[in-house]
Amino acid sequence: MKTKCVKILTVLALAVGCFGNLLAEDETIDAMLQFSIDGGKTFSEDAPTIKQGGSVKVKLVYTNTETRAIHNKVIYSLLYSTDTDFASANCGKQPNRWGVPGWYQRLKIYYAGAKKPSGKFVYDLDMGERKAGTMGTSVKYDKTKKQYVAAPLPALAAFAPGSYNFIVRIYYRLKKDKATIIKNLPFTVTVK
């Protein structure tokens, strides 16, 4: 048993040594989520409960205290689920595009200037039905164009009653070593 533990710790140490600069959770981003089930009229920090077929606005409010230079002076945001597809996941299923396999929703303007010390992103998380033929944005990689392109997304039924987990990620890259600094904010939506 002792040998197994040493081997596992060695592998973990090697992984951190090799990949430590790729993704790092950092305290330079102070962030919180707020939710609205009335179309954005009011927001609360309480986990939302919605009716079947409904949606919830998810507001990410952040303050960035990073003192190191940020690559392109830009901060990015995503909303995703590692568990299931959802109607507003406009980037569809991505096997490892952002470091975690899952279904992703990206805002039309999914970035903000890093010069501003604080800001917000507001998502409309749709947990209703998605009709066949709905076009997604930046869904699949086109080798000819060397970029992600639009593609149709699969049809979905509205979420059944239950609890569902999602994550909002805010992140940026450092200019010096291109390390990606991330902050993940998990939350649960209950459908009744």
Protein backbone atom coordinates (compact mmCIF):
# COMPACT_ATOMS: atom_id res chain seq x y z
CA MET A 1 0.00 0.00 0.00
CA LYS A 2 2.84 2.38 0.89
CA THR A 3 4.51 1.80 -2.51
CA LYS A 4 1.23 2.56 -4.34
CA CYS A 5 0.84 5.86 -2.44
CA VAL A 6 4.42 6.90 -3.24
CA LYS A 7 3.90 6.08 -6.94
CA ILE A 8 0.64 8.06 -7.05
CA LEU A 9 2.23 11.04 -5.31
CA THR A 10 5.18 10.90 -7.71
CA VAL A 11 2.83 10.91 -10.71
CA LEU A 12 0.88 13.84 -9.23
CA ALA A 13 4.10 15.76 -8.56
CA LEU A 14 5.22 15.18 -12.16
CA ALA A 15 1.84 16.29 -13.49
CA VAL A 16 1.94 19.48 -11.44
CA GLY A 17 5.54 20.08 -12.51
CA CYS A 18 4.69 19.61 -16.20
CA PHE A 19 1.29 21.30 -16.30
CA GLY A 20 1.31 23.65 -13.33
CA ASN A 21 1.59 26.74 -15.52
CA LEU A 22 -1.33 25.75 -17.75
CA LEU A 23 -4.19 26.16 -15.27
CA ALA A 24 -3.96 27.69 -11.83
CA GLU A 25 -6.71 28.64 -9.41
CA ASP A 26 -5.85 32.11 -8.19
CA GLU A 27 -7.05 34.52 -5.55
CA THR A 28 -6.54 37.58 -7.78
CA ILE A 29 -10.14 37.26 -8.96
CA ASP A 30 -12.84 37.99 -6.41
CA ALA A 31 -16.09 36.79 -7.96
CA MET A 32 -19.66 35.94 -7.03
CA LEU A 33 -22.83 34.78 -8.76
CA GLN A 34 -26.30 36.26 -8.56
CA PHE A 35 -29.48 34.77 -10.02
CA SER A 36 -32.72 36.17 -11.39
CA ILE A 37 -35.86 34.18 -12.14
CA ASP A 38 -37.91 37.27 -13.05
CA GLY A 39 -36.11 38.23 -16.26
CA GLY A 40 -33.44 40.34 -14.57
CA LYS A 41 -35.66 42.65 -12.51
CA THR A 42 -34.19 41.38 -9.24
CA PHE A 43 -31.12 39.27 -8.42
CA SER A 44 -30.32 37.07 -5.42
CA GLU A 45 -27.31 35.03 -4.30
CA ASP A 46 -29.64 32.15 -3.40
CA ALA A 47 -29.53 29.06 -5.63
CA PRO A 48 -32.44 29.37 -8.07
CA THR A 49 -35.53 27.20 -8.39
CA ILE A 50 -37.38 27.45 -11.70
CA LYS A 51 -40.43 25.91 -13.35
CA GLN A 52 -39.95 23.16 -15.93
CA GLY A 53 -39.07 24.70 -19.30
CA GLY A 54 -37.86 27.90 -17.66
CA SER A 55 -34.67 29.91 -17.64
CA VAL A 56 -32.59 31.82 -15.13
CA LYS A 57 -30.32 34.82 -15.54
CA VAL A 58 -26.88 34.16 -14.07
CA LYS A 59 -24.83 37.27 -13.29
CA LEU A 60 -21.11 36.94 -12.65
CA VAL A 61 -19.80 39.98 -10.76
CA TYR A 62 -16.01 40.16 -10.41
CA THR A 63 -13.12 42.27 -9.21
CA ASN A 64 -9.65 41.56 -10.57
CA THR A 65 -6.64 42.51 -8.44
CA GLU A 66 -4.02 40.98 -10.75
CA THR A 67 -0.76 42.94 -10.73
CA ARG A 68 1.02 40.83 -13.35
CA ALA A 69 0.62 41.73 -17.04
CA ILE A 70 -2.39 40.00 -18.67
CA HIS A 71 -2.04 38.65 -22.21
CA ASN A 72 -4.01 40.84 -24.64
CA LYS A 73 -5.35 42.70 -21.57
CA VAL A 74 -8.53 40.59 -21.73
CA ILE A 75 -10.59 38.59 -19.21
CA TYR A 76 -12.90 35.82 -20.49
CA SER A 77 -16.00 34.05 -19.18
CA LEU A 78 -17.90 30.81 -19.91
CA LEU A 79 -20.88 28.95 -18.47
CA TYR A 80 -20.86 25.17 -18.75
CA SER A 81 -22.06 21.82 -17.48
CA THR A 82 -19.96 18.68 -17.30
CA ASP A 83 -23.13 16.62 -16.69
CA THR A 84 -25.59 17.40 -19.47
CA ASP A 85 -26.42 19.46 -22.54
CA PHE A 86 -28.75 22.45 -22.13
CA ALA A 87 -30.72 24.62 -24.54
CA SER A 88 -28.50 27.71 -24.29
CA ALA A 89 -25.23 25.76 -24.66
CA ASN A 90 -24.49 27.56 -27.93
CA CYS A 91 -20.99 26.08 -28.31
CA GLY A 92 -22.33 22.54 -27.94
CA LYS A 93 -20.27 19.69 -26.54
CA GLN A 94 -16.56 20.43 -26.43
CA PRO A 95 -14.34 17.44 -25.56
CA ASN A 96 -11.40 19.48 -24.23
CA ARG A 97 -11.43 22.90 -25.83
CA TRP A 98 -11.39 24.84 -22.54
CA GLY A 99 -9.62 22.22 -20.43
CA VAL A 100 -12.75 20.41 -19.22
CA PRO A 101 -15.09 18.23 -21.32
CA GLY A 102 -18.62 19.62 -21.23
CA TRP A 103 -21.41 21.60 -22.87
CA TYR A 104 -20.60 25.31 -23.12
CA GLN A 105 -22.47 28.58 -23.37
CA ARG A 106 -20.52 31.63 -24.45
CA LEU A 107 -21.89 35.15 -24.58
CA LYS A 108 -21.79 37.15 -27.80
CA ILE A 109 -19.29 39.41 -26.03
CA TYR A 110 -17.54 36.88 -23.80
CA TYR A 111 -14.56 39.04 -22.83
CA ALA A 112 -13.84 42.27 -21.00
CA GLY A 113 -10.89 44.64 -20.84
CA ALA A 114 -8.57 43.77 -17.98
CA LYS A 115 -7.78 47.45 -17.35
CA LYS A 116 -11.15 47.81 -15.60
CA PRO A 117 -10.75 46.46 -12.04
CA SER A 118 -14.32 45.11 -11.92
CA GLY A 119 -17.15 44.08 -14.19
CA LYS A 120 -19.95 41.64 -14.86
CA PHE A 121 -21.18 39.08 -17.36
CA VAL A 122 -24.89 38.11 -17.52
CA TYR A 123 -25.97 34.75 -18.96
CA ASP A 124 -29.49 33.63 -19.85
CA LEU A 125 -29.34 29.95 -18.87
CA ASP A 126 -32.17 28.28 -20.81
CA MET A 127 -33.24 24.93 -19.42
CA GLY A 128 -36.20 24.55 -21.75
CA GLU A 129 -36.55 22.75 -25.07
CA ARG A 130 -34.08 23.23 -27.94
CA LYS A 131 -35.59 22.64 -31.37
CA ALA A 132 -33.84 20.54 -34.02
CA GLY A 133 -31.76 22.61 -36.41
CA THR A 134 -30.89 25.33 -33.87
CA MET A 135 -27.53 26.73 -34.96
CA GLY A 136 -24.72 26.99 -32.46
CA THR A 137 -21.77 29.34 -32.65
CA SER A 138 -18.16 28.24 -32.56
CA VAL A 139 -19.22 24.58 -32.30
CA LYS A 140 -16.73 22.57 -34.36
CA TYR A 141 -13.21 23.11 -35.60
CA ASP A 142 -12.80 23.62 -39.34
CA LYS A 143 -9.29 22.53 -40.35
CA THR A 144 -9.51 24.40 -43.66
CA LYS A 145 -10.46 27.72 -42.03
CA LYS A 146 -8.32 26.98 -38.95
CA GLN A 147 -11.05 28.20 -36.63
CA TYR A 148 -14.21 27.10 -34.85
CA VAL A 149 -17.36 27.53 -36.94
CA ALA A 150 -21.14 27.44 -36.48
CA ALA A 151 -22.95 24.10 -36.70
CA PRO A 152 -26.41 22.70 -35.88
CA LEU A 153 -27.00 21.60 -32.29
CA PRO A 154 -29.04 18.52 -31.31
CA ALA A 155 -32.66 18.85 -30.24
CA LEU A 156 -33.31 18.68 -26.50
CA ALA A 157 -36.34 18.22 -24.31
CA ALA A 158 -36.89 20.61 -21.41
CA PHE A 159 -35.17 19.57 -18.18
CA ALA A 160 -37.20 17.21 -16.00
CA PRO A 161 -37.78 18.12 -12.34
CA GLY A 162 -34.57 17.73 -10.32
CA SER A 163 -31.32 19.48 -9.45
CA TYR A 164 -28.68 20.31 -12.06
CA ASN A 165 -25.09 21.49 -11.66
CA PHE A 166 -23.37 24.19 -13.70
CA ILE A 167 -20.15 26.18 -13.50
CA VAL A 168 -19.29 29.74 -14.48
CA ARG A 169 -15.62 30.21 -15.26
CA ILE A 170 -13.75 33.50 -15.41
CA TYR A 171 -10.20 33.35 -16.67
CA TYR A 172 -7.27 35.12 -18.29
CA ARG A 173 -3.74 34.36 -19.46
CA LEU A 174 -0.59 35.95 -18.12
CA LYS A 175 1.58 37.75 -20.63
CA LYS A 176 4.92 36.52 -19.30
CA ASP A 177 4.47 32.73 -19.21
CA LYS A 178 0.99 32.33 -20.80
CA ALA A 179 -0.25 30.60 -17.62
CA THR A 180 -4.06 30.51 -17.50
CA ILE A 181 -5.50 31.86 -14.26
CA ILE A 182 -9.03 30.62 -13.57
CA LYS A 183 -11.81 30.97 -11.07
CA ASN A 184 -14.65 28.42 -11.24
CA LEU A 185 -17.96 29.20 -9.56
CA PRO A 186 -20.22 26.12 -9.32
CA PHE A 187 -23.96 26.45 -8.77
CA THR A 188 -27.09 24.30 -8.80
CA VAL A 189 -30.44 25.03 -10.44
CA THR A 190 -33.51 23.16 -9.19
CA VAL A 191 -36.32 22.50 -11.66
CA LYS A 192 -39.72 21.88 -10.04
